[in-house]
Amino acid sequence: MHHSLKQLLDAANQIILGKPQQIRLAACCLLARGHLLIEDLPGVGKTTLAYTLAKLLGLQYQRIQFTSDLLPADILGASIFEVENHRFTFHKGPIFNQMILADEINRATPKTQSALLEAMEEQQVSVEGKTYALPEPFFVIATQNPSFQAGTFPLPESQLDRFLMRIQLGYPDHAAERLLLTGQNRHDLIAHQPSCISASELETMQKAVTNVHTSPALLDYCQALIAFTREASEFSYGLSPRGGLALLRAAKSWAFMDRRDAVVPEDLQAVLAAVAGHRLRASNPDSTAIVAPILEKVAIH
């Protein structure tokens, strides 16, 4: 399992240059059965990262370009009357794929954004009184532009909470950008990459993640981190129980990627910014700065 995982990370790092931490966090999120939000400026590789992961995992992939005129039916599907059969037949929308890229999700209206809520939480969609199961595995990777840019509709807290992690890519460093400028087109590289992990291997890894051990002392530290976010004056509100569960799931996945069968405090610290940054409200919008006082003031038990 870990050999295949290393192949995936190595291949992704050959395509997305100079971002090993962000790639590792993205893989960690998927192993924990979570959805991923990538927030950054246009053109820094958000879409490329999503497509790279889908290709390397061999998943059915569909990109949905979110715009202000996109409707929920454009995502979920709709019933269309068939004259020859004299009845309505439901035609599935692009949501019925294993990996969905919701590109520039905050350019769509809140009504359309909310069409993803049931799919992300329940892995099913309800249309016209009927419920349809989504494929297994099912991941949503959403990208969004910074809220200060024109034509954006900020995601409500309830929808942000459905994303296990939020990451930012940022500009490449000098060496990575030189390779981008002089190297092969990234999409051509992706097209020739074989999948590294099959769907069955991915499912096996996800089950292994759930079996990673958490000691009572580790849970004490996890609860102390959660309690600090609820009590400290730096935050308007703290992590919800769902946020706490997300933190623990991500830490288990991080430990699994390090080939350990038990979570250590450093695992919680490694994923805290990505898991908690979009769930907390503070004056500084940078997620790393948001979680910094938590790690400084909460002692390891």
Protein backbone atom coordinates (compact mmCIF):
# COMPACT_ATOMS: atom_id res chain seq x y z
CA MET A 1 0.00 0.00 0.00
CA HIS A 2 2.66 2.49 1.00
CA HIS A 3 4.68 1.78 -2.15
CA SER A 4 1.67 2.77 -4.30
CA LEU A 5 1.12 5.84 -2.14
CA LYS A 6 4.75 6.90 -2.59
CA GLN A 7 4.38 6.46 -6.35
CA LEU A 8 1.32 8.72 -6.31
CA LEU A 9 3.08 11.45 -4.32
CA ASP A 10 6.22 11.25 -6.48
CA ALA A 11 4.21 11.45 -9.70
CA ALA A 12 2.13 14.37 -8.43
CA ASN A 13 5.27 16.25 -7.42
CA GLN A 14 6.62 15.89 -10.95
CA ILE A 15 3.56 17.71 -12.27
CA ILE A 16 2.80 20.22 -9.50
CA LEU A 17 6.27 21.61 -8.87
CA GLY A 18 7.51 22.95 -5.55
CA LYS A 19 4.35 22.12 -3.53
CA PRO A 20 5.10 18.81 -1.73
CA GLN A 21 3.31 19.85 1.50
CA GLN A 22 0.11 20.83 -0.30
CA ILE A 23 0.14 17.63 -2.37
CA ARG A 24 0.62 15.55 0.77
CA LEU A 25 -2.27 17.35 2.48
CA ALA A 26 -4.50 16.76 -0.55
CA ALA A 27 -3.67 13.03 -0.55
CA CYS A 28 -4.21 12.94 3.22
CA CYS A 29 -7.66 14.45 2.74
CA LEU A 30 -8.70 11.83 0.18
CA LEU A 31 -7.39 8.94 2.28
CA ALA A 32 -9.54 10.26 5.13
CA ARG A 33 -12.61 10.20 2.82
CA GLY A 34 -12.80 13.97 2.90
CA HIS A 35 -13.61 16.71 0.41
CA LEU A 36 -10.96 19.31 -0.42
CA LEU A 37 -11.23 23.07 -0.92
CA ILE A 38 -8.38 24.83 -2.72
CA GLU A 39 -8.48 28.61 -2.35
CA ASP A 40 -6.06 30.82 -4.23
CA LEU A 41 -5.55 33.26 -7.07
CA PRO A 42 -6.37 32.15 -10.62
CA GLY A 43 -3.52 30.48 -12.49
CA VAL A 44 -1.52 28.92 -9.64
CA GLY A 45 -2.44 25.30 -10.41
CA LYS A 46 -5.64 24.58 -8.49
CA THR A 47 -7.40 22.85 -11.40
CA THR A 48 -4.21 21.05 -12.43
CA LEU A 49 -3.82 19.57 -8.96
CA ALA A 50 -7.39 18.22 -8.99
CA TYR A 51 -6.98 16.70 -12.45
CA THR A 52 -3.62 15.22 -11.45
CA LEU A 53 -5.12 13.43 -8.44
CA ALA A 54 -8.03 12.09 -10.49
CA LYS A 55 -5.67 10.77 -13.17
CA LEU A 56 -3.24 9.15 -10.73
CA LEU A 57 -6.10 7.53 -8.82
CA GLY A 58 -7.79 6.30 -11.98
CA LEU A 59 -11.15 7.75 -10.96
CA GLN A 60 -14.08 8.81 -13.12
CA TYR A 61 -13.54 12.56 -13.28
CA GLN A 62 -15.82 15.44 -14.17
CA ARG A 63 -15.13 19.14 -14.08
CA ILE A 64 -18.05 21.48 -13.44
CA GLN A 65 -17.35 25.13 -14.22
CA PHE A 66 -19.34 27.19 -11.73
CA THR A 67 -20.75 30.42 -13.11
CA SER A 68 -23.43 32.85 -11.97
CA ASP A 69 -26.02 31.34 -14.34
CA LEU A 70 -25.40 27.70 -13.37
CA LEU A 71 -28.51 25.95 -12.01
CA PRO A 72 -28.80 23.04 -9.55
CA ALA A 73 -30.22 20.85 -12.35
CA ASP A 74 -27.03 21.45 -14.34
CA ILE A 75 -25.19 19.63 -11.54
CA LEU A 76 -27.66 17.02 -10.31
CA GLY A 77 -29.55 16.20 -13.51
CA ALA A 78 -33.18 16.54 -14.51
CA SER A 79 -36.20 14.57 -15.67
CA ILE A 80 -36.88 14.95 -19.38
CA PHE A 81 -40.08 13.90 -21.11
CA GLU A 82 -39.47 11.21 -23.74
CA VAL A 83 -42.15 11.33 -26.40
CA GLU A 84 -41.60 7.77 -27.60
CA ASN A 85 -42.06 6.35 -24.09
CA HIS A 86 -44.68 8.89 -22.97
CA ARG A 87 -42.96 9.38 -19.60
CA PHE A 88 -40.34 11.40 -17.82
CA THR A 89 -36.88 9.85 -17.47
CA PHE A 90 -34.23 11.11 -15.09
CA HIS A 91 -30.96 11.99 -16.80
CA LYS A 92 -28.07 12.03 -14.37
CA GLY A 93 -25.95 15.15 -14.14
CA PRO A 94 -22.16 15.44 -13.86
CA ILE A 95 -22.32 14.92 -10.08
CA PHE A 96 -22.57 11.17 -10.79
CA ASN A 97 -18.82 10.65 -11.07
CA GLN A 98 -16.22 9.48 -8.58
CA MET A 99 -14.26 12.75 -8.47
CA ILE A 100 -15.88 16.13 -9.08
CA LEU A 101 -13.95 19.32 -9.65
CA ALA A 102 -16.23 22.19 -8.66
CA ASP A 103 -14.17 24.86 -10.38
CA GLU A 104 -14.51 28.41 -9.02
CA ILE A 105 -17.34 27.29 -6.77
CA ASN A 106 -17.82 30.75 -5.28
CA ARG A 107 -18.74 32.24 -8.65
CA ALA A 108 -22.11 30.44 -8.52
CA THR A 109 -25.12 31.63 -6.57
CA PRO A 110 -25.80 30.23 -3.08
CA LYS A 111 -28.75 28.21 -4.47
CA THR A 112 -26.46 26.38 -6.85
CA GLN A 113 -23.71 25.98 -4.26
CA SER A 114 -26.18 24.31 -1.92
CA ALA A 115 -26.88 21.62 -4.54
CA LEU A 116 -23.62 20.01 -3.45
CA LEU A 117 -24.48 19.84 0.26
CA GLU A 118 -26.41 16.55 0.29
CA ALA A 119 -23.97 14.96 -2.15
CA MET A 120 -20.96 15.85 0.00
CA GLU A 121 -22.52 14.82 3.30
CA GLU A 122 -24.70 11.84 2.42
CA GLN A 123 -23.14 10.65 -0.86
CA GLN A 124 -26.54 10.79 -2.49
CA VAL A 125 -28.78 13.31 -4.23
CA SER A 126 -32.54 13.79 -3.99
CA VAL A 127 -34.34 14.95 -7.10
CA GLU A 128 -38.11 15.24 -7.49
CA GLY A 129 -38.79 13.06 -4.45
CA LYS A 130 -36.38 10.27 -5.41
CA THR A 131 -32.97 9.51 -3.94
CA TYR A 132 -30.04 8.42 -6.09
CA ALA A 133 -26.81 6.99 -4.70
CA LEU A 134 -23.51 8.42 -5.90
CA PRO A 135 -20.52 6.30 -6.97
CA GLU A 136 -18.01 4.91 -4.51
CA PRO A 137 -15.53 6.45 -3.85
CA PHE A 138 -16.89 9.98 -4.17
CA PHE A 139 -14.80 13.13 -3.73
CA VAL A 140 -15.41 16.80 -4.34
CA ILE A 141 -12.41 19.01 -4.94
CA ALA A 142 -13.58 22.61 -5.13
CA THR A 143 -11.54 25.63 -6.10
CA GLN A 144 -12.42 29.16 -5.21
CA ASN A 145 -10.95 32.56 -5.90
CA PRO A 146 -10.26 34.98 -3.04
CA SER A 147 -13.45 36.69 -1.87
CA PHE A 148 -12.08 40.14 -2.66
CA GLN A 149 -12.19 39.37 -6.39
CA ALA A 150 -15.17 40.51 -8.45
CA GLY A 151 -18.16 38.24 -9.03
CA THR A 152 -17.80 35.93 -6.04
CA PHE A 153 -20.43 34.64 -3.61
CA PRO A 154 -18.76 33.60 -0.32
CA LEU A 155 -19.48 30.04 0.77
CA PRO A 156 -21.62 29.92 3.93
CA GLU A 157 -20.15 28.34 7.05
CA SER A 158 -22.42 25.30 6.70
CA GLN A 159 -20.93 24.47 3.33
CA LEU A 160 -17.35 25.27 4.31
CA ASP A 161 -17.76 22.78 7.13
CA ARG A 162 -18.40 19.98 4.59
CA PHE A 163 -14.82 20.30 3.36
CA LEU A 164 -12.43 18.27 5.46
CA MET A 165 -9.52 20.51 4.48
CA ARG A 166 -8.77 23.82 2.84
CA ILE A 167 -5.34 24.43 1.32
CA GLN A 168 -3.64 27.22 -0.58
CA LEU A 169 -0.99 26.68 -3.25
CA GLY A 170 0.62 30.11 -3.55
CA TYR A 171 3.18 31.17 -6.12
CA PRO A 172 5.96 28.71 -7.02
CA ASP A 173 9.48 29.41 -5.84
CA HIS A 174 12.15 30.57 -8.30
CA ALA A 175 13.51 27.10 -9.13
CA ALA A 176 10.06 25.56 -9.60
CA GLU A 177 8.91 28.42 -11.80
CA ARG A 178 12.00 28.09 -14.00
CA LEU A 179 11.15 24.41 -14.55
CA LEU A 180 7.57 25.39 -15.39
CA LEU A 181 8.80 27.95 -17.93
CA THR A 182 11.27 25.62 -19.61
CA GLY A 183 9.62 22.23 -19.14
CA GLN A 184 6.85 20.28 -20.79
CA ASN A 185 3.23 21.40 -20.69
CA ARG A 186 1.65 20.18 -17.45
CA HIS A 187 -1.48 18.81 -19.15
CA ASP A 188 0.65 16.82 -21.59
CA LEU A 189 2.49 15.31 -18.63
CA ILE A 190 -0.78 14.36 -16.93
CA ALA A 191 -2.13 12.74 -20.07
CA HIS A 192 0.78 10.28 -20.15
CA GLN A 193 0.70 9.41 -16.45
CA PRO A 194 -0.66 5.96 -15.58
CA SER A 195 -2.79 5.55 -12.49
CA CYS A 196 -0.80 4.64 -9.37
CA ILE A 197 -3.60 3.41 -7.11
CA SER A 198 -6.68 1.42 -8.08
CA ALA A 199 -10.11 2.02 -6.58
CA SER A 200 -9.82 -1.19 -4.55
CA GLU A 201 -6.37 -0.18 -3.24
CA LEU A 202 -7.73 3.22 -2.29
CA GLU A 203 -10.59 1.60 -0.39
CA THR A 204 -8.13 -0.66 1.44
CA MET A 205 -6.04 2.36 2.43
CA GLN A 206 -9.10 4.24 3.65
CA LYS A 207 -10.07 1.31 5.85
CA ALA A 208 -6.52 1.13 7.20
CA VAL A 209 -6.71 4.82 8.11
CA THR A 210 -9.77 4.21 10.28
CA ASN A 211 -7.85 1.52 12.19
CA VAL A 212 -4.99 3.84 13.19
CA HIS A 213 -4.85 3.89 17.00
CA THR A 214 -5.50 6.95 19.16
CA SER A 215 -4.40 6.76 22.79
CA PRO A 216 -6.31 8.39 25.67
CA ALA A 217 -3.49 10.93 26.04
CA LEU A 218 -3.72 11.80 22.34
CA LEU A 219 -7.48 12.29 22.66
CA ASP A 220 -6.87 14.56 25.67
CA TYR A 221 -4.61 16.74 23.52
CA CYS A 222 -7.13 16.73 20.67
CA GLN A 223 -9.92 17.82 23.02
CA ALA A 224 -7.69 20.51 24.52
CA LEU A 225 -7.11 21.95 21.02
CA ILE A 226 -10.83 21.92 20.32
CA ALA A 227 -11.68 23.48 23.70
CA PHE A 228 -9.15 26.27 23.19
CA THR A 229 -10.83 27.34 19.94
CA ARG A 230 -14.15 27.62 21.78
CA GLU A 231 -12.85 29.51 24.79
CA ALA A 232 -10.09 31.77 23.47
CA SER A 233 -10.83 35.41 22.68
CA GLU A 234 -8.98 35.14 19.36
CA PHE A 235 -11.99 33.39 17.78
CA SER A 236 -15.61 34.39 17.29
CA TYR A 237 -16.59 30.73 17.54
CA GLY A 238 -14.72 27.47 17.86
CA LEU A 239 -14.60 24.07 16.25
CA SER A 240 -17.86 22.13 16.18
CA PRO A 241 -18.02 18.43 17.07
CA ARG A 242 -17.89 17.73 13.32
CA GLY A 243 -14.75 19.85 13.11
CA GLY A 244 -13.20 17.87 15.96
CA LEU A 245 -13.98 14.59 14.21
CA ALA A 246 -12.47 15.99 11.01
CA LEU A 247 -9.27 16.90 12.87
CA LEU A 248 -8.92 13.39 14.24
CA ARG A 249 -9.66 11.75 10.88
CA ALA A 250 -7.06 13.87 9.15
CA ALA A 251 -4.48 13.14 11.86
CA LYS A 252 -5.07 9.40 11.46
CA SER A 253 -4.56 9.73 7.72
CA TRP A 254 -1.35 11.71 8.26
CA ALA A 255 -0.03 9.03 10.61
CA PHE A 256 -0.89 6.32 8.08
CA MET A 257 1.06 8.17 5.39
CA ASP A 258 4.06 8.14 7.74
CA ARG A 259 3.65 4.34 8.10
CA ARG A 260 2.64 4.54 11.75
CA ASP A 261 -0.21 2.64 13.37
CA ALA A 262 -0.85 5.26 16.06
CA VAL A 263 -1.44 9.01 16.04
CA VAL A 264 1.09 11.28 17.75
CA PRO A 265 0.61 14.96 18.68
CA GLU A 266 2.70 16.05 15.68
CA ASP A 267 0.06 14.55 13.38
CA LEU A 268 -2.63 16.80 14.85
CA GLN A 269 -0.29 19.77 14.55
CA ALA A 270 0.53 18.97 10.91
CA VAL A 271 -3.10 19.01 9.75
CA LEU A 272 -4.58 21.60 12.12
CA ALA A 273 -4.23 24.60 9.79
CA ALA A 274 -5.81 22.80 6.84
CA VAL A 275 -8.67 21.37 8.92
CA ALA A 276 -9.44 24.29 11.24
CA GLY A 277 -8.48 27.35 9.18
CA HIS A 278 -11.79 27.58 7.28
CA ARG A 279 -13.88 26.60 10.32
CA LEU A 280 -12.70 29.41 12.59
CA ARG A 281 -13.45 33.10 12.40
CA ALA A 282 -10.60 35.43 13.30
CA SER A 283 -9.34 38.84 12.25
CA ASN A 284 -6.43 37.40 10.22
CA PRO A 285 -7.65 35.49 7.15
CA ASP A 286 -4.50 33.37 6.83
CA SER A 287 -5.24 29.89 8.19
CA THR A 288 -1.68 29.37 9.43
CA ALA A 289 -1.88 32.58 11.46
CA ILE A 290 -5.30 31.58 12.76
CA VAL A 291 -4.09 28.31 14.28
CA ALA A 292 -0.70 29.59 15.48
CA PRO A 293 -1.95 30.69 18.94
CA ILE A 294 -3.65 27.31 19.40
CA LEU A 295 -0.41 25.39 19.00
CA GLU A 296 1.50 27.92 21.10
CA LYS A 297 -0.86 27.92 24.07
CA VAL A 298 -2.16 24.33 24.25
CA ALA A 299 0.30 21.97 25.94
CA ILE A 300 0.74 18.38 24.77
CA HIS A 301 -0.64 16.00 27.37
